[in-house]
Amino acid sequence: MALKSAMLLMLISSVSIAVGMDANENIVAIYWGQNGKEGTLGEACATGNYDYVIIAFVQSVGNGQTPMMNLGGHCEPYRDGCSGLSSDIKYCQAKGMKVLVSLVEGGGSYRNVSEVASYLWNNFLGGVSSSRPLGPAVLDGIDFGIEYEIEGRSKQYWRDLAMFLRGYHITNIQDQKLYITIAPQCPFPDLWIGNSLLTGLFDFVWFPILY
């Protein structure tokens, strides 16, 4: 799998846009969910400006924690949930866009990689769960947002998590392609993920540029 790179533009408005390029195509992606003034997910997709829409964020997964969606006021995960976004997700996909969800640390420790992979697969991807946070829509993939390192965690954590997710996908013979992307810190190789970027497990790598 060829590794593709992109630039993540952090705009003052808190809207994050990623512009990716390879030999054959230009890719434009947006991180949606952290700016209450950015409009709905459906409205973002209706512009036709993006190839990838990344819902940000899901936090505190693994190590016995209760996973939490943080969508900047777009929905209340612990009151009425965010399952209403399912129709918008399907709308975006019907327009040919890929929809992912971004996983960030959120103050939690992820020690059991298989537990995290199982949760992500069953609650956002092709698995089955009675409490899917974003409703029945099947997302196209997972984005790993690398904000800081957890003490004692192996540098191979993100590689192993990607491998488990790929394993679920292969085992279940899914027709829908699984996208796994990652947003490391700028220095290469990233101090926190070692040489995981060289494994070919990631479809896109978003590099942050702050404005």
N, C-alpha and C. Protein backbone atom coordinates (compact mmCIF):
# COMPACT_ATOMS: atom_id res chain seq x y z
N MET A 1 0.85 -1.19 0.00
CA MET A 1 0.00 0.00 0.00
C MET A 1 0.88 1.24 0.00
N ALA A 2 0.70 2.10 -0.98
CA ALA A 2 1.52 3.30 -1.07
C ALA A 2 1.11 4.29 0.00
N LEU A 3 2.10 4.86 0.66
CA LEU A 3 1.82 5.84 1.71
C LEU A 3 1.60 7.20 1.08
N LYS A 4 0.50 7.84 1.41
CA LYS A 4 0.18 9.15 0.88
C LYS A 4 0.29 10.17 2.00
N SER A 5 0.70 11.38 1.66
CA SER A 5 0.87 12.40 2.68
C SER A 5 -0.04 13.57 2.41
N ALA A 6 -0.26 14.37 3.43
CA ALA A 6 -1.12 15.54 3.30
C ALA A 6 -0.66 16.60 4.27
N MET A 7 -1.12 17.82 4.07
CA MET A 7 -0.84 18.91 4.98
C MET A 7 -2.12 19.28 5.70
N LEU A 8 -2.06 19.34 7.01
CA LEU A 8 -3.22 19.69 7.82
C LEU A 8 -3.13 21.17 8.17
N LEU A 9 -4.11 21.93 7.74
CA LEU A 9 -4.11 23.36 7.97
C LEU A 9 -5.05 23.69 9.13
N MET A 10 -4.51 24.18 10.24
CA MET A 10 -5.31 24.53 11.39
C MET A 10 -5.65 26.02 11.28
N LEU A 11 -6.86 26.33 10.87
CA LEU A 11 -7.25 27.70 10.64
C LEU A 11 -7.73 28.37 11.92
N ILE A 12 -7.70 29.69 11.94
CA ILE A 12 -8.11 30.44 13.12
C ILE A 12 -9.54 30.12 13.51
N SER A 13 -10.37 29.80 12.54
CA SER A 13 -11.78 29.52 12.82
C SER A 13 -11.98 28.16 13.47
N SER A 14 -10.91 27.43 13.71
CA SER A 14 -10.94 26.09 14.29
C SER A 14 -11.43 25.04 13.31
N VAL A 15 -11.58 25.40 12.05
CA VAL A 15 -11.88 24.42 11.02
C VAL A 15 -10.56 23.88 10.51
N SER A 16 -10.42 22.57 10.47
CA SER A 16 -9.17 21.95 10.03
C SER A 16 -9.35 21.39 8.64
N ILE A 17 -8.49 21.78 7.73
CA ILE A 17 -8.56 21.30 6.36
C ILE A 17 -7.25 20.61 6.02
N ALA A 18 -7.34 19.48 5.35
CA ALA A 18 -6.14 18.77 4.93
C ALA A 18 -6.11 18.70 3.42
N VAL A 19 -4.98 19.04 2.84
CA VAL A 19 -4.82 18.97 1.39
C VAL A 19 -3.77 17.91 1.10
N GLY A 20 -4.16 16.85 0.42
CA GLY A 20 -3.24 15.76 0.16
C GLY A 20 -2.93 15.66 -1.32
N MET A 21 -1.73 15.23 -1.63
CA MET A 21 -1.32 15.11 -3.03
C MET A 21 -0.52 13.85 -3.22
N ASP A 22 -0.76 13.14 -4.32
CA ASP A 22 0.14 12.09 -4.74
C ASP A 22 0.31 12.22 -6.25
N ALA A 23 0.88 11.23 -6.87
CA ALA A 23 1.21 11.35 -8.29
C ALA A 23 -0.02 11.43 -9.17
N ASN A 24 -1.15 10.95 -8.67
CA ASN A 24 -2.32 10.82 -9.54
C ASN A 24 -3.49 11.73 -9.17
N GLU A 25 -3.50 12.29 -7.97
CA GLU A 25 -4.69 13.01 -7.56
C GLU A 25 -4.39 14.01 -6.46
N ASN A 26 -5.27 15.00 -6.34
CA ASN A 26 -5.24 15.93 -5.23
C ASN A 26 -6.38 15.56 -4.29
N ILE A 27 -6.10 15.51 -3.01
CA ILE A 27 -7.08 15.10 -2.01
C ILE A 27 -7.34 16.26 -1.07
N VAL A 28 -8.61 16.57 -0.83
CA VAL A 28 -8.97 17.61 0.13
C VAL A 28 -9.85 16.98 1.21
N ALA A 29 -9.46 17.16 2.46
CA ALA A 29 -10.22 16.61 3.59
C ALA A 29 -10.48 17.71 4.60
N ILE A 30 -11.49 17.50 5.43
CA ILE A 30 -11.81 18.46 6.48
C ILE A 30 -12.06 17.72 7.79
N TYR A 31 -11.58 18.30 8.88
CA TYR A 31 -11.93 17.83 10.22
C TYR A 31 -13.17 18.61 10.65
N TRP A 32 -14.25 17.90 10.89
CA TRP A 32 -15.52 18.54 11.25
C TRP A 32 -15.93 18.13 12.66
N GLY A 33 -16.44 19.10 13.44
CA GLY A 33 -17.01 18.74 14.73
C GLY A 33 -16.58 19.59 15.90
N GLN A 34 -15.57 20.44 15.73
CA GLN A 34 -15.06 21.20 16.87
C GLN A 34 -15.40 22.68 16.83
N ASN A 35 -16.16 23.09 15.84
CA ASN A 35 -16.54 24.50 15.73
C ASN A 35 -18.05 24.59 15.59
N GLY A 36 -18.72 25.11 16.61
CA GLY A 36 -20.17 25.18 16.59
C GLY A 36 -20.74 26.04 15.48
N LYS A 37 -19.90 26.88 14.86
CA LYS A 37 -20.36 27.77 13.79
C LYS A 37 -20.08 27.22 12.40
N GLU A 38 -19.59 25.99 12.32
CA GLU A 38 -19.20 25.44 11.02
C GLU A 38 -20.37 24.85 10.24
N GLY A 39 -21.56 24.82 10.85
CA GLY A 39 -22.71 24.23 10.17
C GLY A 39 -22.79 22.74 10.42
N THR A 40 -23.80 22.11 9.86
CA THR A 40 -23.98 20.67 10.07
C THR A 40 -23.04 19.87 9.19
N LEU A 41 -22.93 18.60 9.51
CA LEU A 41 -22.11 17.71 8.69
C LEU A 41 -22.66 17.64 7.27
N GLY A 42 -23.97 17.56 7.17
CA GLY A 42 -24.59 17.52 5.85
C GLY A 42 -24.30 18.77 5.03
N GLU A 43 -24.30 19.93 5.69
CA GLU A 43 -24.01 21.18 5.00
C GLU A 43 -22.56 21.21 4.51
N ALA A 44 -21.65 20.67 5.32
CA ALA A 44 -20.24 20.62 4.90
C ALA A 44 -20.09 19.77 3.64
N CYS A 45 -20.79 18.64 3.61
CA CYS A 45 -20.69 17.76 2.45
C CYS A 45 -21.41 18.33 1.23
N ALA A 46 -22.46 19.10 1.48
CA ALA A 46 -23.24 19.67 0.37
C ALA A 46 -22.42 20.64 -0.47
N THR A 47 -21.34 21.19 0.10
CA THR A 47 -20.51 22.12 -0.66
C THR A 47 -19.79 21.42 -1.81
N GLY A 48 -19.56 20.12 -1.66
CA GLY A 48 -18.83 19.38 -2.69
C GLY A 48 -17.35 19.69 -2.71
N ASN A 49 -16.84 20.34 -1.66
CA ASN A 49 -15.44 20.77 -1.65
C ASN A 49 -14.47 19.71 -1.16
N TYR A 50 -14.97 18.62 -0.57
CA TYR A 50 -14.08 17.70 0.14
C TYR A 50 -14.18 16.28 -0.41
N ASP A 51 -13.07 15.58 -0.31
CA ASP A 51 -13.04 14.16 -0.65
C ASP A 51 -13.18 13.30 0.60
N TYR A 52 -12.67 13.81 1.72
CA TYR A 52 -12.72 13.10 3.00
C TYR A 52 -13.25 14.05 4.07
N VAL A 53 -14.16 13.54 4.90
CA VAL A 53 -14.67 14.29 6.04
C VAL A 53 -14.35 13.49 7.29
N ILE A 54 -13.61 14.10 8.21
CA ILE A 54 -13.17 13.40 9.42
C ILE A 54 -13.91 13.99 10.62
N ILE A 55 -14.74 13.18 11.25
CA ILE A 55 -15.52 13.62 12.40
C ILE A 55 -14.62 13.62 13.63
N ALA A 56 -14.54 14.76 14.31
CA ALA A 56 -13.61 14.92 15.43
C ALA A 56 -14.37 15.36 16.70
N PHE A 57 -14.23 14.58 17.77
CA PHE A 57 -13.34 13.47 18.03
C PHE A 57 -14.06 12.42 18.88
N VAL A 58 -13.46 11.21 18.98
CA VAL A 58 -13.86 10.25 20.00
C VAL A 58 -12.68 10.12 20.97
N GLN A 59 -12.98 10.18 22.27
CA GLN A 59 -11.95 10.22 23.30
C GLN A 59 -12.11 9.08 24.30
N SER A 60 -11.05 8.86 25.07
CA SER A 60 -11.08 7.99 26.25
C SER A 60 -11.58 6.58 25.94
N VAL A 61 -10.94 5.95 24.96
CA VAL A 61 -11.28 4.58 24.62
C VAL A 61 -10.24 3.64 25.21
N GLY A 62 -10.68 2.53 25.80
CA GLY A 62 -9.75 1.54 26.32
C GLY A 62 -9.45 1.71 27.80
N ASN A 63 -8.76 0.72 28.37
CA ASN A 63 -8.34 0.74 29.77
C ASN A 63 -9.54 0.87 30.71
N GLY A 64 -10.68 0.29 30.32
CA GLY A 64 -11.85 0.29 31.18
C GLY A 64 -12.61 1.60 31.22
N GLN A 65 -12.24 2.56 30.38
CA GLN A 65 -12.91 3.86 30.39
C GLN A 65 -14.20 3.83 29.57
N THR A 66 -15.07 4.79 29.84
CA THR A 66 -16.27 4.96 29.03
C THR A 66 -15.93 5.86 27.86
N PRO A 67 -16.00 5.36 26.62
CA PRO A 67 -15.68 6.20 25.46
C PRO A 67 -16.59 7.42 25.41
N MET A 68 -16.07 8.51 24.88
CA MET A 68 -16.81 9.76 24.86
C MET A 68 -16.65 10.44 23.51
N MET A 69 -17.78 10.84 22.92
CA MET A 69 -17.74 11.66 21.72
C MET A 69 -17.64 13.13 22.14
N ASN A 70 -16.77 13.86 21.51
CA ASN A 70 -16.65 15.30 21.75
C ASN A 70 -16.80 16.00 20.41
N LEU A 71 -18.00 16.52 20.16
CA LEU A 71 -18.28 17.16 18.87
C LEU A 71 -18.61 18.63 19.04
N GLY A 72 -17.99 19.28 20.00
CA GLY A 72 -18.04 20.72 20.11
C GLY A 72 -19.42 21.34 20.15
N GLY A 73 -20.39 20.67 20.75
CA GLY A 73 -21.73 21.23 20.86
C GLY A 73 -22.69 20.84 19.76
N HIS A 74 -22.23 20.07 18.77
CA HIS A 74 -23.13 19.63 17.69
C HIS A 74 -24.16 18.63 18.20
N CYS A 75 -23.81 17.90 19.27
CA CYS A 75 -24.75 16.96 19.87
C CYS A 75 -24.31 16.73 21.31
N GLU A 76 -25.20 16.16 22.11
CA GLU A 76 -24.91 15.89 23.52
C GLU A 76 -24.80 14.38 23.72
N PRO A 77 -23.58 13.83 23.71
CA PRO A 77 -23.40 12.38 23.76
C PRO A 77 -24.07 11.71 24.94
N TYR A 78 -24.08 12.36 26.11
CA TYR A 78 -24.60 11.72 27.32
C TYR A 78 -26.07 12.06 27.58
N ARG A 79 -26.66 12.88 26.72
CA ARG A 79 -28.06 13.22 26.93
C ARG A 79 -28.92 12.64 25.81
N ASP A 80 -28.78 13.17 24.59
CA ASP A 80 -29.59 12.66 23.49
C ASP A 80 -28.76 11.92 22.45
N GLY A 81 -27.45 11.78 22.72
CA GLY A 81 -26.60 11.03 21.82
C GLY A 81 -26.31 11.76 20.52
N CYS A 82 -25.50 11.13 19.68
CA CYS A 82 -25.12 11.71 18.39
C CYS A 82 -25.56 10.83 17.23
N SER A 83 -26.48 9.91 17.51
CA SER A 83 -26.91 8.98 16.46
C SER A 83 -27.65 9.68 15.33
N GLY A 84 -28.13 10.90 15.59
CA GLY A 84 -28.81 11.65 14.54
C GLY A 84 -27.91 12.02 13.38
N LEU A 85 -26.59 11.91 13.59
CA LEU A 85 -25.64 12.22 12.52
C LEU A 85 -25.59 11.12 11.46
N SER A 86 -26.21 9.98 11.75
CA SER A 86 -26.14 8.86 10.82
C SER A 86 -26.66 9.22 9.43
N SER A 87 -27.75 9.97 9.37
CA SER A 87 -28.32 10.33 8.07
C SER A 87 -27.38 11.26 7.31
N ASP A 88 -26.70 12.16 8.02
CA ASP A 88 -25.73 13.05 7.37
C ASP A 88 -24.53 12.26 6.85
N ILE A 89 -24.09 11.28 7.63
CA ILE A 89 -22.96 10.45 7.21
C ILE A 89 -23.31 9.72 5.91
N LYS A 90 -24.50 9.14 5.87
CA LYS A 90 -24.93 8.42 4.67
C LYS A 90 -25.08 9.37 3.48
N TYR A 91 -25.52 10.59 3.75
CA TYR A 91 -25.65 11.60 2.69
C TYR A 91 -24.27 11.91 2.11
N CYS A 92 -23.29 12.12 2.99
CA CYS A 92 -21.93 12.42 2.53
C CYS A 92 -21.38 11.27 1.68
N GLN A 93 -21.60 10.05 2.14
CA GLN A 93 -21.10 8.89 1.42
C GLN A 93 -21.79 8.74 0.07
N ALA A 94 -23.08 9.07 0.02
CA ALA A 94 -23.82 8.98 -1.24
C ALA A 94 -23.28 9.97 -2.26
N LYS A 95 -22.67 11.06 -1.78
CA LYS A 95 -22.07 12.05 -2.67
C LYS A 95 -20.64 11.69 -3.04
N GLY A 96 -20.20 10.50 -2.62
CA GLY A 96 -18.87 10.03 -2.99
C GLY A 96 -17.76 10.38 -2.03
N MET A 97 -18.11 10.96 -0.88
CA MET A 97 -17.10 11.33 0.11
C MET A 97 -16.86 10.18 1.09
N LYS A 98 -15.64 10.09 1.59
CA LYS A 98 -15.30 9.11 2.62
C LYS A 98 -15.42 9.79 3.98
N VAL A 99 -16.07 9.11 4.92
CA VAL A 99 -16.29 9.68 6.25
C VAL A 99 -15.55 8.83 7.28
N LEU A 100 -14.67 9.47 8.05
CA LEU A 100 -13.90 8.80 9.09
C LEU A 100 -14.21 9.45 10.43
N VAL A 101 -13.80 8.80 11.51
CA VAL A 101 -13.87 9.42 12.84
C VAL A 101 -12.46 9.46 13.39
N SER A 102 -12.13 10.55 14.08
CA SER A 102 -10.78 10.73 14.61
C SER A 102 -10.72 10.36 16.08
N LEU A 103 -9.74 9.55 16.42
CA LEU A 103 -9.52 9.08 17.78
C LEU A 103 -8.38 9.88 18.40
N VAL A 104 -8.63 10.51 19.55
CA VAL A 104 -7.57 11.26 20.24
C VAL A 104 -7.45 10.76 21.67
N GLU A 105 -6.36 11.16 22.31
CA GLU A 105 -6.07 10.66 23.65
C GLU A 105 -7.14 11.02 24.67
N GLY A 106 -7.49 12.30 24.73
CA GLY A 106 -8.55 12.72 25.64
C GLY A 106 -8.25 12.47 27.11
N GLY A 107 -6.98 12.42 27.48
CA GLY A 107 -6.63 12.24 28.88
C GLY A 107 -6.66 10.80 29.34
N GLY A 108 -6.93 9.87 28.44
CA GLY A 108 -7.03 8.47 28.83
C GLY A 108 -5.81 7.67 28.45
N SER A 109 -5.70 6.49 29.02
CA SER A 109 -4.58 5.59 28.72
C SER A 109 -5.10 4.38 27.97
N TYR A 110 -4.51 4.09 26.82
CA TYR A 110 -4.94 2.95 26.02
C TYR A 110 -3.93 1.82 26.20
N ARG A 111 -4.24 0.87 27.04
CA ARG A 111 -3.27 -0.19 27.30
C ARG A 111 -3.61 -1.48 26.57
N ASN A 112 -4.86 -1.71 26.30
CA ASN A 112 -5.27 -2.95 25.65
C ASN A 112 -5.63 -2.64 24.20
N VAL A 113 -4.68 -2.88 23.31
CA VAL A 113 -4.88 -2.53 21.90
C VAL A 113 -6.05 -3.29 21.30
N SER A 114 -6.17 -4.58 21.61
CA SER A 114 -7.25 -5.38 21.04
C SER A 114 -8.62 -4.87 21.51
N GLU A 115 -8.70 -4.40 22.75
CA GLU A 115 -9.95 -3.85 23.28
C GLU A 115 -10.36 -2.60 22.52
N VAL A 116 -9.39 -1.73 22.26
CA VAL A 116 -9.68 -0.50 21.52
C VAL A 116 -10.10 -0.81 20.10
N ALA A 117 -9.39 -1.73 19.45
CA ALA A 117 -9.73 -2.11 18.07
C ALA A 117 -11.13 -2.69 17.99
N SER A 118 -11.48 -3.55 18.96
CA SER A 118 -12.81 -4.16 18.98
C SER A 118 -13.89 -3.10 19.14
N TYR A 119 -13.65 -2.14 20.04
CA TYR A 119 -14.63 -1.07 20.25
C TYR A 119 -14.83 -0.27 18.97
N LEU A 120 -13.73 0.14 18.33
CA LEU A 120 -13.83 0.95 17.12
C LEU A 120 -14.53 0.19 16.00
N TRP A 121 -14.19 -1.09 15.84
CA TRP A 121 -14.79 -1.88 14.78
C TRP A 121 -16.30 -2.03 14.98
N ASN A 122 -16.70 -2.36 16.21
CA ASN A 122 -18.11 -2.64 16.47
C ASN A 122 -18.97 -1.39 16.57
N ASN A 123 -18.38 -0.27 16.93
CA ASN A 123 -19.18 0.94 17.16
C ASN A 123 -19.13 1.97 16.05
N PHE A 124 -18.14 1.85 15.14
CA PHE A 124 -18.05 2.83 14.06
C PHE A 124 -17.91 2.21 12.68
N LEU A 125 -17.41 0.98 12.63
CA LEU A 125 -17.10 0.38 11.33
C LEU A 125 -18.08 -0.76 11.03
N GLY A 126 -17.59 -1.90 10.57
CA GLY A 126 -18.48 -2.95 10.07
C GLY A 126 -19.01 -3.93 11.09
N GLY A 127 -18.72 -3.71 12.37
CA GLY A 127 -19.19 -4.62 13.41
C GLY A 127 -20.60 -4.30 13.88
N VAL A 128 -20.98 -4.93 14.98
CA VAL A 128 -22.34 -4.78 15.51
C VAL A 128 -22.28 -4.38 16.97
N SER A 129 -23.06 -3.37 17.34
CA SER A 129 -23.16 -2.92 18.72
C SER A 129 -24.54 -2.31 18.93
N SER A 130 -25.07 -2.46 20.14
CA SER A 130 -26.38 -1.88 20.45
C SER A 130 -26.28 -0.40 20.79
N SER A 131 -25.08 0.13 20.87
CA SER A 131 -24.92 1.53 21.28
C SER A 131 -23.91 2.26 20.40
N ARG A 132 -24.12 2.20 19.09
CA ARG A 132 -23.21 2.89 18.17
C ARG A 132 -23.39 4.40 18.33
N PRO A 133 -22.33 5.13 18.73
CA PRO A 133 -22.46 6.56 19.04
C PRO A 133 -22.99 7.41 17.89
N LEU A 134 -22.66 7.04 16.65
CA LEU A 134 -23.08 7.83 15.50
C LEU A 134 -24.20 7.14 14.72
N GLY A 135 -24.87 6.20 15.36
CA GLY A 135 -25.99 5.53 14.72
C GLY A 135 -25.55 4.39 13.81
N PRO A 136 -26.46 3.88 12.98
CA PRO A 136 -26.18 2.69 12.18
C PRO A 136 -25.25 2.89 10.99
N ALA A 137 -24.98 4.11 10.61
CA ALA A 137 -24.10 4.34 9.46
C ALA A 137 -22.74 3.68 9.68
N VAL A 138 -22.21 3.06 8.64
CA VAL A 138 -20.89 2.42 8.70
C VAL A 138 -19.86 3.39 8.14
N LEU A 139 -18.96 3.85 8.99
CA LEU A 139 -17.95 4.80 8.54
C LEU A 139 -16.91 4.13 7.66
N ASP A 140 -16.16 4.96 6.94
CA ASP A 140 -15.16 4.43 6.01
C ASP A 140 -13.81 4.18 6.66
N GLY A 141 -13.61 4.70 7.87
CA GLY A 141 -12.31 4.46 8.48
C GLY A 141 -12.10 5.22 9.78
N ILE A 142 -10.87 5.11 10.28
CA ILE A 142 -10.46 5.70 11.55
C ILE A 142 -9.22 6.56 11.33
N ASP A 143 -9.22 7.73 11.95
CA ASP A 143 -8.05 8.60 11.94
C ASP A 143 -7.45 8.60 13.34
N PHE A 144 -6.13 8.49 13.44
CA PHE A 144 -5.44 8.53 14.73
C PHE A 144 -4.85 9.92 14.92
N GLY A 145 -5.37 10.66 15.90
CA GLY A 145 -4.83 11.98 16.20
C GLY A 145 -3.79 11.87 17.31
N ILE A 146 -2.53 12.13 17.00
CA ILE A 146 -1.44 11.96 17.97
C ILE A 146 -1.16 13.30 18.62
N GLU A 147 -1.62 13.48 19.87
CA GLU A 147 -1.41 14.75 20.55
C GLU A 147 -0.29 14.67 21.58
N TYR A 148 -0.17 13.55 22.27
CA TYR A 148 0.90 13.37 23.23
C TYR A 148 1.04 11.88 23.53
N GLU A 149 2.12 11.52 24.16
CA GLU A 149 2.39 10.11 24.43
C GLU A 149 1.91 9.74 25.83
N ILE A 150 1.52 8.47 25.98
CA ILE A 150 1.15 7.92 27.28
C ILE A 150 2.36 7.20 27.86
N GLU A 151 2.70 7.51 29.08
CA GLU A 151 3.89 6.93 29.71
C GLU A 151 3.81 5.40 29.71
N GLY A 152 4.88 4.77 29.29
CA GLY A 152 4.97 3.33 29.33
C GLY A 152 4.39 2.63 28.12
N ARG A 153 3.82 3.37 27.19
CA ARG A 153 3.22 2.73 26.03
C ARG A 153 4.26 2.53 24.93
N SER A 154 4.19 1.38 24.27
CA SER A 154 5.13 1.07 23.21
C SER A 154 4.97 2.02 22.03
N LYS A 155 6.07 2.30 21.35
CA LYS A 155 6.01 3.12 20.15
C LYS A 155 5.29 2.38 19.02
N GLN A 156 5.09 1.08 19.20
CA GLN A 156 4.41 0.29 18.18
C GLN A 156 2.90 0.26 18.39
N TYR A 157 2.39 1.04 19.36
CA TYR A 157 0.96 1.00 19.69
C TYR A 157 0.09 1.28 18.48
N TRP A 158 0.39 2.37 17.77
CA TRP A 158 -0.46 2.77 16.64
C TRP A 158 -0.36 1.76 15.51
N ARG A 159 0.83 1.20 15.32
CA ARG A 159 0.99 0.14 14.32
C ARG A 159 0.12 -1.06 14.67
N ASP A 160 0.18 -1.47 15.95
CA ASP A 160 -0.58 -2.64 16.38
C ASP A 160 -2.09 -2.40 16.27
N LEU A 161 -2.53 -1.19 16.62
CA LEU A 161 -3.95 -0.87 16.53
C LEU A 161 -4.41 -0.93 15.08
N ALA A 162 -3.61 -0.39 14.17
CA ALA A 162 -3.95 -0.45 12.75
C ALA A 162 -3.99 -1.90 12.26
N MET A 163 -3.07 -2.73 12.74
CA MET A 163 -3.04 -4.14 12.33
C MET A 163 -4.28 -4.88 12.80
N PHE A 164 -4.72 -4.62 14.04
CA PHE A 164 -5.93 -5.26 14.55
C PHE A 164 -7.15 -4.85 13.72
N LEU A 165 -7.24 -3.56 13.38
CA LEU A 165 -8.37 -3.09 12.58
C LEU A 165 -8.36 -3.72 11.19
N ARG A 166 -7.19 -3.80 10.58
CA ARG A 166 -7.08 -4.45 9.28
C ARG A 166 -7.48 -5.92 9.39
N GLY A 167 -7.13 -6.54 10.50
CA GLY A 167 -7.48 -7.94 10.71
C GLY A 167 -8.98 -8.15 10.78
N TYR A 168 -9.68 -7.27 11.51
CA TYR A 168 -11.14 -7.35 11.57
C TYR A 168 -11.74 -7.22 10.17
N HIS A 169 -11.19 -6.29 9.41
CA HIS A 169 -11.72 -6.02 8.07
C HIS A 169 -11.54 -7.24 7.16
N ILE A 170 -10.36 -7.84 7.19
CA ILE A 170 -10.08 -9.01 6.35
C ILE A 170 -10.93 -10.20 6.78
N THR A 171 -11.03 -10.43 8.09
CA THR A 171 -11.78 -11.56 8.61
C THR A 171 -13.25 -11.50 8.22
N ASN A 172 -13.79 -10.29 8.18
CA ASN A 172 -15.21 -10.13 7.88
C ASN A 172 -15.49 -9.90 6.40
N ILE A 173 -14.46 -9.96 5.58
CA ILE A 173 -14.58 -9.85 4.12
C ILE A 173 -15.50 -8.69 3.74
N GLN A 174 -15.14 -7.51 4.20
CA GLN A 174 -15.95 -6.33 3.92
C GLN A 174 -15.69 -5.82 2.50
N ASP A 175 -16.77 -5.50 1.78
CA ASP A 175 -16.63 -4.92 0.44
C ASP A 175 -16.18 -3.46 0.53
N GLN A 176 -16.57 -2.78 1.60
CA GLN A 176 -16.24 -1.38 1.79
C GLN A 176 -14.79 -1.25 2.23
N LYS A 177 -13.99 -0.50 1.49
CA LYS A 177 -12.57 -0.33 1.84
C LYS A 177 -12.44 0.34 3.20
N LEU A 178 -11.48 -0.11 3.98
CA LEU A 178 -11.20 0.48 5.28
C LEU A 178 -10.02 1.45 5.15
N TYR A 179 -10.25 2.71 5.52
CA TYR A 179 -9.20 3.72 5.50
C TYR A 179 -8.68 3.94 6.92
N ILE A 180 -7.37 3.93 7.07
CA ILE A 180 -6.75 4.25 8.35
C ILE A 180 -5.75 5.37 8.09
N THR A 181 -5.95 6.50 8.77
CA THR A 181 -5.07 7.65 8.59
C THR A 181 -4.48 8.04 9.93
N ILE A 182 -3.45 8.87 9.90
CA ILE A 182 -2.77 9.23 11.13
C ILE A 182 -2.25 10.66 11.03
N ALA A 183 -2.28 11.37 12.15
CA ALA A 183 -1.79 12.76 12.19
C ALA A 183 -0.69 12.85 13.24
N PRO A 184 0.55 12.57 12.86
CA PRO A 184 1.67 12.60 13.81
C PRO A 184 2.16 14.02 14.06
N GLN A 185 3.13 14.14 14.95
CA GLN A 185 3.82 15.41 15.12
C GLN A 185 4.75 15.62 13.92
N CYS A 186 5.25 16.84 13.75
CA CYS A 186 6.00 17.17 12.55
C CYS A 186 7.33 16.43 12.36
N PRO A 187 8.18 16.27 13.40
CA PRO A 187 9.47 15.61 13.17
C PRO A 187 9.29 14.18 12.67
N PHE A 188 10.16 13.73 11.78
CA PHE A 188 10.10 12.37 11.27
C PHE A 188 11.44 11.69 11.47
N PRO A 189 11.48 10.45 12.00
CA PRO A 189 10.30 9.72 12.47
C PRO A 189 9.75 10.31 13.77
N ASP A 190 8.43 10.27 13.92
CA ASP A 190 7.77 10.80 15.10
C ASP A 190 8.30 10.09 16.35
N LEU A 191 8.66 10.86 17.38
CA LEU A 191 9.22 10.30 18.60
C LEU A 191 8.26 9.32 19.26
N TRP A 192 6.95 9.53 19.08
CA TRP A 192 5.96 8.74 19.80
C TRP A 192 5.51 7.49 19.06
N ILE A 193 5.72 7.46 17.75
CA ILE A 193 5.23 6.30 17.00
C ILE A 193 6.34 5.56 16.28
N GLY A 194 7.59 5.99 16.49
CA GLY A 194 8.71 5.28 15.90
C GLY A 194 8.61 5.20 14.38
N ASN A 195 8.85 4.02 13.85
CA ASN A 195 8.84 3.83 12.41
C ASN A 195 7.53 3.24 11.90
N SER A 196 6.45 3.39 12.67
CA SER A 196 5.17 2.81 12.28
C SER A 196 4.69 3.32 10.93
N LEU A 197 5.08 4.55 10.57
CA LEU A 197 4.64 5.12 9.30
C LEU A 197 5.21 4.36 8.11
N LEU A 198 6.27 3.60 8.33
CA LEU A 198 6.92 2.89 7.23
C LEU A 198 6.30 1.52 6.97
N THR A 199 5.29 1.14 7.74
CA THR A 199 4.71 -0.20 7.62
C THR A 199 3.77 -0.34 6.44
N GLY A 200 3.27 0.77 5.89
CA GLY A 200 2.30 0.69 4.81
C GLY A 200 0.88 0.46 5.29
N LEU A 201 0.65 0.55 6.61
CA LEU A 201 -0.68 0.31 7.17
C LEU A 201 -1.59 1.52 7.04
N PHE A 202 -1.00 2.70 6.83
CA PHE A 202 -1.78 3.94 6.83
C PHE A 202 -1.98 4.45 5.40
N ASP A 203 -3.23 4.81 5.11
CA ASP A 203 -3.57 5.28 3.77
C ASP A 203 -3.15 6.73 3.55
N PHE A 204 -3.30 7.55 4.60
CA PHE A 204 -2.91 8.95 4.52
C PHE A 204 -2.24 9.37 5.82
N VAL A 205 -1.30 10.29 5.72
CA VAL A 205 -0.65 10.89 6.89
C VAL A 205 -0.87 12.39 6.80
N TRP A 206 -1.49 12.95 7.85
CA TRP A 206 -1.77 14.39 7.86
C TRP A 206 -0.68 15.09 8.66
N PHE A 207 0.01 16.05 8.05
CA PHE A 207 1.05 16.81 8.75
C PHE A 207 0.51 18.19 9.12
N PRO A 208 0.56 18.57 10.41
CA PRO A 208 -0.06 19.83 10.85
C PRO A 208 0.76 21.06 10.51
N ILE A 209 0.06 22.08 10.03
CA ILE A 209 0.63 23.42 9.87
C ILE A 209 -0.31 24.37 10.59
N LEU A 210 0.18 25.10 11.59
CA LEU A 210 -0.67 25.95 12.41
C LEU A 210 -0.67 27.38 11.91
N TYR A 211 -1.88 27.94 11.80
CA TYR A 211 -2.03 29.34 11.37
C TYR A 211 -2.58 30.16 12.52
